[in-house]
Amino acid sequence: MRKLNYYFDTSVFNFIFAEDEPIRKNRTQKLFKNLSELGESFISEVVLREVNNAPEPKRTQLTELIDRYNPKVLDVDEEVENLARRYVEEDIIPVRYHDDARHIAVAVVNDLDVIVSWNFEHIVKLKTRLEINGINKLLGYREIEICSPEEVI
């Protein structure tokens, strides 16, 4: 089986440090432990901005974690912004959570295979997956899988 290209949103990195969520923390650690076997990992400028906005000491912890795993960083360009805007206009992602739409759009525009997230409110849910892939098909993009770390491991 070919290795897949994974996009990780900020929530995945956050759960490495989630002492109050030991099960998710453990599953996230297992995901990172097996990353090299799974395929290539990607993040975006959105992840870096969200990390930079985190309070200390979390900002430093997240930055060190990203540096250790060294995912490729993808740009948020005009095509990404336009697709993210469409997800919001179609009421797939609430306007207040536009960065969630950007996470998805970055992965779609860059033709990645899977978005990995612990965000069950706006990203990892059946309604989002179906509607995102509907818009993607309509606009000529391929479908994308949206999964939790638990599903990937």
Protein backbone atom coordinates (compact mmCIF):
# COMPACT_ATOMS: atom_id res chain seq x y z
CA MET A 1 0.00 0.00 0.00
CA ARG A 2 1.31 3.44 -0.85
CA LYS A 3 2.07 5.85 1.93
CA LEU A 4 -0.36 8.71 2.37
CA ASN A 5 0.11 12.46 2.78
CA TYR A 6 -1.36 13.74 6.05
CA TYR A 7 -2.31 17.27 7.05
CA PHE A 8 -2.28 17.88 10.81
CA ASP A 9 -4.27 20.75 12.24
CA THR A 10 -3.22 22.44 15.47
CA SER A 11 -5.46 20.29 17.67
CA VAL A 12 -3.31 17.21 16.99
CA PHE A 13 -0.20 18.88 18.37
CA ASN A 14 -2.12 20.25 21.37
CA PHE A 15 -3.21 16.81 22.53
CA ILE A 16 0.38 15.65 23.05
CA PHE A 17 0.24 17.83 26.17
CA ALA A 18 -3.37 17.12 27.23
CA GLU A 19 -2.93 15.79 30.77
CA ASP A 20 -6.70 16.08 31.28
CA GLU A 21 -7.37 13.78 28.28
CA PRO A 22 -5.08 10.75 28.85
CA ILE A 23 -6.70 8.55 26.20
CA ARG A 24 -6.42 11.16 23.43
CA LYS A 25 -2.93 12.09 24.62
CA ASN A 26 -1.86 8.44 24.41
CA ARG A 27 -3.36 7.98 20.94
CA THR A 28 -1.74 11.18 19.69
CA GLN A 29 1.64 10.06 21.03
CA LYS A 30 1.17 6.72 19.25
CA LEU A 31 0.36 8.57 16.02
CA PHE A 32 3.55 10.63 16.22
CA LYS A 33 5.59 7.56 17.12
CA ASN A 34 4.44 5.85 13.91
CA LEU A 35 4.52 8.89 11.63
CA SER A 36 7.42 7.79 9.48
CA GLU A 37 5.67 4.50 8.68
CA LEU A 38 2.40 6.20 7.80
CA GLY A 39 3.60 8.67 5.20
CA GLU A 40 4.50 12.31 4.85
CA SER A 41 3.19 14.96 7.25
CA PHE A 42 2.16 18.53 6.48
CA ILE A 43 0.99 21.61 8.34
CA SER A 44 0.26 25.13 7.16
CA GLU A 45 0.91 28.74 7.99
CA VAL A 46 -2.39 28.57 9.89
CA VAL A 47 -0.93 26.04 12.33
CA LEU A 48 2.18 28.16 12.82
CA ARG A 49 0.09 31.28 13.47
CA GLU A 50 -2.13 29.45 15.97
CA VAL A 51 0.96 28.10 17.75
CA ASN A 52 2.53 31.57 17.84
CA ASN A 53 -0.66 32.91 19.44
CA ALA A 54 -0.59 30.31 22.23
CA PRO A 55 0.46 31.47 25.69
CA GLU A 56 3.78 30.41 27.17
CA PRO A 57 4.93 27.79 28.04
CA LYS A 58 2.58 26.03 25.61
CA ARG A 59 3.91 28.04 22.65
CA THR A 60 7.44 26.81 23.26
CA GLN A 61 6.30 23.21 23.79
CA LEU A 62 4.30 23.22 20.55
CA THR A 63 7.12 24.88 18.60
CA GLU A 64 9.61 22.28 19.84
CA LEU A 65 7.23 19.46 18.94
CA ILE A 66 6.77 20.80 15.41
CA ASP A 67 10.53 21.24 15.07
CA ARG A 68 11.10 17.64 16.22
CA TYR A 69 8.68 16.11 13.69
CA ASN A 70 9.50 18.64 10.97
CA PRO A 71 6.32 18.51 8.86
CA LYS A 72 6.38 20.36 5.58
CA VAL A 73 4.74 23.78 5.84
CA LEU A 74 2.19 24.70 3.16
CA ASP A 75 1.30 28.26 2.19
CA VAL A 76 -2.11 29.84 2.41
CA ASP A 77 -2.43 31.37 -1.03
CA GLU A 78 -5.32 32.92 -2.94
CA GLU A 79 -6.64 29.54 -4.11
CA VAL A 80 -6.72 28.29 -0.51
CA GLU A 81 -8.45 31.48 0.66
CA ASN A 82 -11.06 31.21 -2.10
CA LEU A 83 -11.85 27.58 -1.28
CA ALA A 84 -11.99 28.28 2.47
CA ARG A 85 -14.35 31.18 1.78
CA ARG A 86 -16.59 28.86 -0.23
CA TYR A 87 -16.76 26.37 2.67
CA VAL A 88 -17.88 29.23 4.92
CA GLU A 89 -20.34 30.66 2.36
CA GLU A 90 -21.94 27.22 2.02
CA ASP A 91 -22.36 27.09 5.84
CA ILE A 92 -20.15 24.03 6.14
CA ILE A 93 -17.82 25.83 8.55
CA PRO A 94 -19.12 28.76 10.64
CA VAL A 95 -17.61 32.13 9.71
CA ARG A 96 -16.31 32.49 13.27
CA TYR A 97 -14.10 29.43 12.66
CA HIS A 98 -12.71 30.47 9.29
CA ASP A 99 -9.28 29.03 10.19
CA ASP A 100 -10.88 25.57 10.34
CA ALA A 101 -11.97 26.12 6.74
CA ARG A 102 -8.41 27.20 5.90
CA HIS A 103 -7.00 24.00 7.41
CA ILE A 104 -9.26 21.95 5.17
CA ALA A 105 -8.67 24.08 2.07
CA VAL A 106 -4.87 23.92 2.41
CA ALA A 107 -5.00 20.13 2.43
CA VAL A 108 -7.44 19.98 -0.50
CA VAL A 109 -5.63 22.49 -2.71
CA ASN A 110 -2.32 20.69 -2.11
CA ASP A 111 -3.90 17.35 -3.06
CA LEU A 112 -3.20 15.65 0.28
CA ASP A 113 -4.92 12.41 1.22
CA VAL A 114 -6.02 12.92 4.82
CA ILE A 115 -6.77 15.73 7.27
CA VAL A 116 -6.09 14.64 10.85
CA SER A 117 -7.78 16.55 13.65
CA TRP A 118 -9.24 16.23 17.13
CA ASN A 119 -11.76 18.98 16.27
CA PHE A 120 -15.06 17.10 16.34
CA GLU A 121 -17.10 20.29 16.41
CA HIS A 122 -16.27 21.62 12.93
CA ILE A 123 -13.88 19.28 11.13
CA VAL A 124 -14.09 15.57 12.03
CA LYS A 125 -17.74 14.76 11.49
CA LEU A 126 -19.81 13.12 8.80
CA LYS A 127 -21.73 16.27 7.80
CA THR A 128 -18.49 18.18 7.25
CA ARG A 129 -16.87 15.33 5.32
CA LEU A 130 -19.85 14.91 2.99
CA GLU A 131 -20.35 18.62 2.34
CA ILE A 132 -16.63 19.37 1.90
CA ASN A 133 -16.29 16.56 -0.61
CA GLY A 134 -19.44 17.73 -2.41
CA ILE A 135 -17.96 21.21 -2.87
CA ASN A 136 -14.61 19.69 -3.83
CA LYS A 137 -16.20 17.60 -6.58
CA LEU A 138 -18.20 20.58 -7.82
CA LEU A 139 -15.02 22.68 -8.07
CA GLY A 140 -12.82 19.97 -9.62
CA TYR A 141 -10.87 18.91 -6.54
CA ARG A 142 -10.62 15.32 -5.44
CA GLU A 143 -12.21 14.00 -2.28
CA ILE A 144 -10.28 14.05 0.98
CA GLU A 145 -10.51 11.88 4.07
CA ILE A 146 -11.09 13.65 7.38
CA CYS A 147 -10.09 11.57 10.40
CA SER A 148 -9.18 11.68 14.04
CA PRO A 149 -5.74 10.45 15.11
CA GLU A 150 -7.53 7.42 16.54
CA GLU A 151 -8.75 6.43 13.06
CA VAL A 152 -5.27 6.84 11.57
CA ILE A 153 -3.50 4.62 14.10
